[in-house]
């Protein structure tokens, strides 16, 4: 997959291309429906399937105090797009200057002149241009005059409710990771480097990988079953996955003022992973965070959590 840093760097239009545009945070089932349509139409026309997206998220520039916490990093989003069969991703740097581009100019100069698609598919709520003035009406009226067809993809529903990134964030905030996975079509994941912690886990027989999270969202405080995947080279090699029980919280048995962090205990594993980049999947919520009377009670509960994780992951 080709990744282009801004439409100005494209180097010329992409004849026969099929395009979609948007933020696509989380790349949930609604986004995937758009991607599947785009890739299938691109294969039929013999041109590339193209995604036009923005970095950073527009609201982080325009309304930083109201910007959503994102479900995916840019790295994750690009990997997910490649897995859906996308050929080209144009990552447009979103700046205050770019935000002032009028809608009609955006359609004419960026979509038509720079990219040159034959067909454009967008979600029903796609807005663009200065003050988000660009609507579906503008796009559907200009498109045919400029030589490309425009199709609006309706919202996808799961459980009789629309699928959107806000709904997924709410589920994660409630610890409902299995329900969030239904909307994502995969478990929610968080990436980061393993940092040196206070090594308390080793002293009670359950060493953990303390994650310096790159993602903006951790699920609700509690204990989860999932997997750890190693992302970079080392021992074990990149791509290795291992079952794990992960705690998200402040470790109240030891301190009251610890920051919220994710720490994963790899089941039946021995090794040193300090400095490695890993990805943790949150597949099953096991219990809420709680404070224990002493270390022995905590140790006993972690043992039960490990057993519960094994059972949940083998089901």
Foldseek 3Di string as FASTA:
>chain_A
DAEAAALVRLVWAWPAAEEEEDACFLVWPQNLVQLLVRQVSSVVSVTFREYEYEPPDQCCAVPVVPDDFTLDDPVVVVVVSVVSPGDYYYYYYDHPVQLAFAQLCCCPPRVPTRHNHQEYEYEQPDFGHHVSPRHPVSCCVVQVVSRHHYDYDYFDDDPPDGQDPVVLLVCQQVVVQQVSCNGSVHFRKWKAFFADDPQPCVVLPFGWGWGPTPGRDGGHFAKAKWKKAFCDQDVVGHGDIFTWIKGWDQQVQVPDPRDTTIIIGGPPDDDDRHGTMMMTGGNGGDTHDDHDPHSVVVSVVVVVSSVVSVVVVVD
